Amino acid sequence: MLQFLLRRLTGAVVILFLIGAFTFFLFYTIPQDFAELSCGKNCTPENIAVIRENLGLDKPITAQFWDFMVGIVTGREFPQGHCPAPCLGVSFSSGDFVWDSIMDRFPLTLSLTVGGLVIFLLFGLGTGLLAAWKRGTVVDKIVSGASMVLSSFQIYFLGPIVLGFLVYSTGWMDNPKYVPFTDNPASWFLGMLIPWLVMSTIFTAQYTRMARSTMIEQLQEEHVRTARAKGMKRGYVFFRYAWRGSLIPIVTIIGMDLSGLLAGAVVTEFTFDLAGIGRLAVESSLTKDLPLTMGVMLFGAFFILVLNIIVDLAYAYIDPRVRLA
């Protein structure tokens, strides 16, 4: 297991380096004076020259890339002061360190992503198992039909409907807002509940159908039929033999859906007016704040890689053959 984890971590470092190199050279080949962007309106040529020197923009692009990558590991010096590692540069628009800006928004996006993941896994897998257990019955037809309908919804369409009903019409819930978990766990949960439910709706419907189909397929396997032939109870066979086998393709799909989950968090943040990393990325793009945009992209790639490593560890636990490969 340790060698498996080390291989995945090494691969993640290489991927992050390649993504960093690609985004750096992609952004810095844009025909735009970054010193002028950082200086703002009514800026004199003298000020632009000073900013270009302070940001290292007067150096060759290869030297700038080396400073950027070294800064991630050891930190860098800027006119604002020392930027500790991991240093992703200085925002053109605010003058703050990019890493600090990202960390200010990260707790909200983390809460939104992880909470949505937990909800759609619990409801999606639970209803899928129920449909497989009651295969061919009215319950199966209701669950399958509801999953087909819900999978056609989109966050930006379902969000206003839920807000209109639960918040504005009935007043059953307050408008969604983010409260740090450490400040008030109950307010954190209630403030994020509506965004969680809306974001997880589409994924819940998809995983319901997936869990149902994989579970039915596992129930047809020889080892499951053999266990039933030996007189084992249906519930024991269902959860002891078929359930674990059905998790293997589901965990694989989870790893592929992580980027889609993060994209769903971006749309959810705009739908419910939440200030997370997704909103920060769009704002930095609109203001042409390239250091902030590049930092958000790198951090998003790192976040997805970490979640993928966690999924791989879960996959290795479910299927021991992965650890032997």
Protein backbone atom coordinates (compact mmCIF):
# COMPACT_ATOMS: atom_id res chain seq x y z
CA MET A 1 0.00 0.00 0.00
CA LEU A 2 2.87 2.40 0.81
CA GLN A 3 4.50 1.85 -2.60
CA PHE A 4 1.12 2.37 -4.26
CA LEU A 5 0.69 5.68 -2.42
CA LEU A 6 4.23 6.82 -3.25
CA ARG A 7 3.68 6.12 -6.96
CA ARG A 8 0.49 8.15 -6.95
CA LEU A 9 2.11 11.05 -5.09
CA THR A 10 5.06 11.08 -7.49
CA GLY A 11 2.71 11.10 -10.45
CA ALA A 12 0.72 13.95 -8.88
CA VAL A 13 3.87 16.07 -8.48
CA VAL A 14 4.80 15.53 -12.13
CA ILE A 15 1.28 16.41 -13.28
CA LEU A 16 1.25 19.59 -11.21
CA PHE A 17 4.59 20.65 -12.67
CA LEU A 18 3.35 20.10 -16.22
CA ILE A 19 0.12 21.99 -15.52
CA GLY A 20 2.11 24.82 -13.95
CA ALA A 21 4.44 25.03 -16.95
CA PHE A 22 1.57 24.92 -19.44
CA THR A 23 -0.50 27.60 -17.72
CA PHE A 24 2.52 29.85 -17.14
CA PHE A 25 3.69 29.88 -20.74
CA LEU A 26 0.11 30.04 -22.01
CA PHE A 27 -0.70 33.16 -20.01
CA TYR A 28 2.65 34.86 -20.47
CA THR A 29 2.54 34.53 -24.24
CA ILE A 30 -0.52 36.81 -24.30
CA PRO A 31 0.42 40.13 -25.95
CA GLN A 32 -0.37 42.22 -22.90
CA ASP A 33 1.73 44.40 -20.61
CA PHE A 34 1.18 42.86 -17.16
CA ALA A 35 2.85 45.83 -15.47
CA GLU A 36 0.24 48.10 -17.03
CA LEU A 37 -2.54 45.79 -15.82
CA SER A 38 -1.12 45.85 -12.32
CA CYS A 39 -0.67 49.61 -12.31
CA GLY A 40 -4.30 50.40 -13.16
CA LYS A 41 -5.70 53.62 -14.64
CA ASN A 42 -3.86 56.95 -14.81
CA CYS A 43 -0.51 55.22 -14.51
CA THR A 44 2.68 56.93 -15.64
CA PRO A 45 5.43 55.19 -17.65
CA GLU A 46 7.75 55.61 -14.68
CA ASN A 47 5.37 53.70 -12.43
CA ILE A 48 4.99 50.94 -15.03
CA ALA A 49 8.79 50.58 -15.23
CA VAL A 50 9.06 50.28 -11.43
CA ILE A 51 6.28 47.66 -11.30
CA ARG A 52 7.88 45.69 -14.13
CA GLU A 53 11.15 45.58 -12.22
CA ASN A 54 9.52 44.71 -8.87
CA LEU A 55 7.52 41.83 -10.39
CA GLY A 56 10.51 40.55 -12.35
CA LEU A 57 8.76 41.17 -15.67
CA ASP A 58 11.94 42.66 -17.11
CA LYS A 59 13.62 39.24 -16.97
CA PRO A 60 13.51 36.61 -19.77
CA ILE A 61 10.41 34.43 -19.66
CA THR A 62 12.47 31.35 -18.71
CA ALA A 63 13.89 33.21 -15.69
CA GLN A 64 10.37 34.30 -14.71
CA PHE A 65 9.19 30.70 -14.93
CA TRP A 66 12.08 29.53 -12.76
CA ASP A 67 11.32 32.22 -10.15
CA PHE A 68 7.66 31.19 -10.18
CA MET A 69 8.36 27.47 -9.66
CA VAL A 70 11.03 28.11 -7.02
CA GLY A 71 8.63 30.45 -5.23
CA ILE A 72 6.11 27.65 -4.87
CA VAL A 73 8.69 25.63 -2.94
CA THR A 74 10.72 28.27 -1.08
CA GLY A 75 8.78 31.53 -1.34
CA ARG A 76 9.67 34.85 -3.02
CA GLU A 77 10.40 38.45 -2.18
CA PHE A 78 8.03 41.19 -3.40
CA PRO A 79 7.67 44.91 -2.60
CA GLN A 80 4.74 43.89 -0.35
CA GLY A 81 7.14 41.74 1.66
CA HIS A 82 8.12 38.09 1.80
CA CYS A 83 5.68 35.72 0.12
CA PRO A 84 5.99 32.40 2.00
CA ALA A 85 5.79 29.06 0.26
CA PRO A 86 3.71 28.07 -1.53
CA CYS A 87 3.97 31.44 -3.23
CA LEU A 88 1.78 31.80 -6.33
CA GLY A 89 2.53 35.45 -6.95
CA VAL A 90 0.78 38.74 -6.25
CA SER A 91 -2.69 39.71 -7.46
CA PHE A 92 -2.70 42.55 -9.98
CA SER A 93 -6.06 43.91 -8.82
CA SER A 94 -5.81 43.72 -5.02
CA GLY A 95 -2.05 43.55 -4.41
CA ASP A 96 -2.56 40.61 -2.03
CA PHE A 97 -0.66 37.36 -2.23
CA VAL A 98 -2.52 34.91 -4.46
CA TRP A 99 -2.24 32.07 -1.94
CA ASP A 100 -3.85 34.21 0.78
CA SER A 101 -6.75 35.12 -1.52
CA ILE A 102 -7.33 31.47 -2.36
CA MET A 103 -7.18 30.37 1.27
CA ASP A 104 -9.79 33.00 2.18
CA ARG A 105 -12.25 31.36 -0.25
CA PHE A 106 -11.20 27.72 0.07
CA PRO A 107 -13.18 26.74 3.21
CA LEU A 108 -16.48 27.56 1.48
CA THR A 109 -15.63 25.61 -1.68
CA LEU A 110 -14.35 22.69 0.39
CA SER A 111 -17.55 22.62 2.44
CA LEU A 112 -19.67 22.81 -0.70
CA THR A 113 -17.77 20.09 -2.57
CA VAL A 114 -17.36 17.59 0.25
CA GLY A 115 -20.90 18.12 1.55
CA GLY A 116 -22.37 17.62 -1.92
CA LEU A 117 -20.23 14.51 -2.41
CA VAL A 118 -21.40 12.95 0.86
CA ILE A 119 -25.07 13.70 0.17
CA PHE A 120 -25.20 12.32 -3.37
CA LEU A 121 -23.26 9.21 -2.37
CA LEU A 122 -25.57 8.49 0.56
CA PHE A 123 -28.80 9.15 -1.34
CA GLY A 124 -27.62 7.91 -4.73
CA LEU A 125 -26.18 4.62 -3.53
CA GLY A 126 -28.97 4.15 -1.00
CA THR A 127 -31.80 4.56 -3.49
CA GLY A 128 -29.89 2.50 -6.08
CA LEU A 129 -29.55 -0.39 -3.63
CA LEU A 130 -33.23 -0.07 -2.73
CA ALA A 131 -34.22 -0.25 -6.40
CA ALA A 132 -32.01 -3.32 -6.94
CA TRP A 133 -33.41 -5.00 -3.82
CA LYS A 134 -37.00 -4.31 -4.98
CA ARG A 135 -36.28 -5.01 -8.64
CA GLY A 136 -39.43 -5.15 -10.75
CA THR A 137 -41.68 -3.75 -8.03
CA VAL A 138 -43.45 -0.40 -7.77
CA VAL A 139 -40.63 0.93 -5.61
CA ASP A 140 -38.10 0.12 -8.33
CA LYS A 141 -40.19 1.86 -10.97
CA ILE A 142 -40.69 4.98 -8.83
CA VAL A 143 -36.99 5.27 -7.98
CA SER A 144 -35.90 4.67 -11.58
CA GLY A 145 -38.45 7.13 -12.96
CA ALA A 146 -37.53 9.84 -10.42
CA SER A 147 -33.83 9.44 -11.21
CA MET A 148 -34.52 9.87 -14.92
CA VAL A 149 -36.45 13.09 -14.29
CA LEU A 150 -34.00 14.59 -11.80
CA SER A 151 -30.99 13.89 -14.01
CA SER A 152 -32.41 16.32 -16.60
CA PHE A 153 -32.29 19.28 -14.19
CA GLN A 154 -29.48 21.81 -14.07
CA ILE A 155 -28.15 23.69 -11.04
CA TYR A 156 -28.90 27.16 -12.44
CA PHE A 157 -32.50 26.06 -13.15
CA LEU A 158 -33.24 24.08 -9.99
CA GLY A 159 -31.53 26.55 -7.62
CA PRO A 160 -33.96 29.48 -8.10
CA ILE A 161 -36.94 27.11 -7.85
CA VAL A 162 -35.75 25.72 -4.52
CA LEU A 163 -34.93 29.21 -3.24
CA GLY A 164 -38.34 30.50 -4.28
CA PHE A 165 -40.15 27.70 -2.48
CA LEU A 166 -38.09 27.09 0.68
CA VAL A 167 -36.89 30.67 1.32
CA TYR A 168 -39.10 33.30 -0.30
CA SER A 169 -42.54 31.63 -0.43
CA THR A 170 -42.72 29.46 2.68
CA GLY A 171 -39.91 30.93 4.76
CA TRP A 172 -39.02 27.46 6.01
CA MET A 173 -35.31 28.17 5.58
CA ASP A 174 -33.05 31.20 5.51
CA ASN A 175 -31.16 32.36 2.45
CA PRO A 176 -28.00 30.24 1.99
CA LYS A 177 -24.85 31.70 3.48
CA TYR A 178 -21.50 30.41 4.63
CA VAL A 179 -20.66 30.35 8.32
CA PRO A 180 -17.32 28.76 9.29
CA PHE A 181 -17.79 25.37 10.91
CA THR A 182 -15.57 26.36 13.82
CA ASP A 183 -17.78 29.39 14.59
CA ASN A 184 -21.15 27.63 14.62
CA PRO A 185 -21.55 24.04 13.30
CA ALA A 186 -25.36 24.28 13.25
CA SER A 187 -25.38 27.53 11.25
CA TRP A 188 -22.72 26.08 8.92
CA PHE A 189 -24.92 23.07 8.22
CA LEU A 190 -28.17 25.00 7.74
CA GLY A 191 -26.50 27.68 5.62
CA MET A 192 -25.05 25.13 3.20
CA LEU A 193 -27.95 22.66 3.16
CA ILE A 194 -29.83 24.12 0.18
CA PRO A 195 -26.69 24.43 -2.03
CA TRP A 196 -25.73 20.86 -1.09
CA LEU A 197 -29.14 19.48 -2.03
CA VAL A 198 -29.31 21.39 -5.32
CA MET A 199 -25.76 20.56 -6.40
CA SER A 200 -26.10 16.89 -5.46
CA THR A 201 -29.46 16.37 -7.21
CA ILE A 202 -28.03 15.58 -10.64
CA PHE A 203 -25.28 13.37 -9.25
CA THR A 204 -27.75 11.57 -6.97
CA ALA A 205 -29.90 10.65 -9.97
CA GLN A 206 -26.88 9.41 -11.94
CA TYR A 207 -25.52 7.29 -9.09
CA THR A 208 -28.95 5.84 -8.35
CA ARG A 209 -29.13 4.36 -11.84
CA MET A 210 -25.49 3.29 -11.71
CA ALA A 211 -25.80 1.60 -8.30
CA ARG A 212 -28.95 -0.20 -9.41
CA SER A 213 -27.45 -1.54 -12.65
CA THR A 214 -24.12 -2.61 -11.10
CA MET A 215 -25.88 -4.28 -8.17
CA ILE A 216 -28.19 -6.24 -10.46
CA GLU A 217 -25.17 -7.29 -12.52
CA GLN A 218 -23.33 -8.47 -9.40
CA LEU A 219 -26.32 -10.51 -8.29
CA GLN A 220 -25.92 -12.55 -11.48
CA GLU A 221 -22.28 -13.43 -10.78
CA GLU A 222 -21.38 -17.06 -10.10
CA HIS A 223 -20.01 -16.54 -6.59
CA VAL A 224 -23.23 -14.77 -5.57
CA ARG A 225 -25.42 -17.49 -7.04
CA THR A 226 -23.25 -20.11 -5.31
CA ALA A 227 -23.68 -18.37 -1.97
CA ARG A 228 -27.45 -18.35 -2.47
CA ALA A 229 -27.39 -22.02 -3.43
CA LYS A 230 -25.64 -22.84 -0.16
CA GLY A 231 -28.64 -21.51 1.72
CA MET A 232 -27.27 -18.15 2.84
CA LYS A 233 -29.84 -15.49 3.58
CA ARG A 234 -30.64 -13.05 0.81
CA GLY A 235 -29.72 -9.98 2.86
CA TYR A 236 -26.35 -11.43 3.85
CA VAL A 237 -25.48 -12.31 0.25
CA PHE A 238 -26.73 -8.91 -0.94
CA PHE A 239 -24.44 -6.90 1.34
CA ARG A 240 -21.58 -9.33 1.94
CA TYR A 241 -20.86 -10.42 -1.63
CA ALA A 242 -22.76 -8.35 -4.20
CA TRP A 243 -22.44 -4.93 -2.53
CA ARG A 244 -18.64 -4.85 -2.36
CA GLY A 245 -18.29 -5.98 -5.97
CA SER A 246 -20.69 -3.30 -7.17
CA LEU A 247 -18.59 -0.57 -5.50
CA ILE A 248 -15.59 -1.13 -7.81
CA PRO A 249 -17.06 0.51 -10.97
CA ILE A 250 -18.81 3.16 -8.85
CA VAL A 251 -15.55 4.26 -7.18
CA THR A 252 -13.93 4.41 -10.63
CA ILE A 253 -16.65 6.74 -11.89
CA ILE A 254 -16.34 8.92 -8.77
CA GLY A 255 -12.70 9.56 -9.65
CA MET A 256 -13.76 10.65 -13.14
CA ASP A 257 -16.59 12.86 -11.82
CA LEU A 258 -14.48 14.90 -9.39
CA SER A 259 -13.72 17.61 -11.94
CA GLY A 260 -17.43 17.79 -12.77
CA LEU A 261 -18.22 18.09 -9.07
CA LEU A 262 -15.82 21.03 -8.76
CA ALA A 263 -17.39 22.64 -11.84
CA GLY A 264 -20.79 22.14 -10.23
CA ALA A 265 -19.49 23.95 -7.16
CA VAL A 266 -18.57 26.94 -9.36
CA VAL A 267 -22.10 27.16 -10.80
CA THR A 268 -23.61 26.65 -7.34
CA GLU A 269 -21.56 29.52 -5.91
CA PHE A 270 -22.94 31.91 -8.52
CA THR A 271 -26.49 30.58 -8.17
CA PHE A 272 -26.56 31.19 -4.42
CA ASP A 273 -24.20 34.19 -4.35
CA LEU A 274 -21.49 32.41 -2.38
CA ALA A 275 -17.93 33.74 -2.45
CA GLY A 276 -15.85 30.63 -3.09
CA ILE A 277 -12.90 29.75 -5.28
CA GLY A 278 -15.10 29.32 -8.35
CA ARG A 279 -16.38 32.86 -8.06
CA LEU A 280 -12.81 34.05 -7.47
CA ALA A 281 -11.70 32.38 -10.71
CA VAL A 282 -14.40 34.10 -12.76
CA GLU A 283 -13.73 37.48 -11.14
CA SER A 284 -9.99 37.17 -11.82
CA SER A 285 -10.68 36.35 -15.46
CA LEU A 286 -12.98 39.35 -15.89
CA THR A 287 -10.37 41.70 -14.38
CA LYS A 288 -7.51 40.06 -16.34
CA ASP A 289 -5.77 39.27 -13.07
CA LEU A 290 -3.51 36.60 -14.58
CA PRO A 291 -1.49 35.64 -11.46
CA LEU A 292 -4.73 35.05 -9.56
CA THR A 293 -6.27 33.13 -12.48
CA MET A 294 -3.20 30.94 -12.83
CA GLY A 295 -3.04 30.36 -9.07
CA VAL A 296 -6.68 29.27 -8.97
CA MET A 297 -6.10 26.87 -11.87
CA LEU A 298 -3.10 25.30 -10.17
CA PHE A 299 -4.91 25.02 -6.87
CA GLY A 300 -7.94 23.48 -8.58
CA ALA A 301 -5.70 20.90 -10.24
CA PHE A 302 -4.05 20.15 -6.88
CA PHE A 303 -7.46 19.78 -5.21
CA ILE A 304 -8.69 17.33 -7.85
CA LEU A 305 -5.45 15.32 -7.68
CA VAL A 306 -5.75 15.00 -3.90
CA LEU A 307 -9.35 13.80 -4.18
CA ASN A 308 -8.29 11.33 -6.88
CA ILE A 309 -5.58 9.92 -4.61
CA ILE A 310 -8.19 9.44 -1.87
CA VAL A 311 -10.43 7.66 -4.36
CA ASP A 312 -7.53 5.44 -5.46
CA LEU A 313 -6.86 4.49 -1.84
CA ALA A 314 -10.52 3.58 -1.42
CA TYR A 315 -10.34 1.58 -4.65
CA ALA A 316 -7.28 -0.28 -3.38
CA TYR A 317 -9.11 -1.09 -0.15
CA ILE A 318 -12.17 -2.40 -1.99
CA ASP A 319 -10.21 -4.38 -4.62
CA PRO A 320 -6.96 -5.87 -3.18
CA ARG A 321 -5.74 -6.67 -6.70
CA VAL A 322 -4.92 -2.97 -7.13
CA ARG A 323 -2.31 -3.19 -4.37
CA LEU A 324 -0.65 -6.15 -6.11
CA ALA A 325 -0.52 -4.53 -9.54
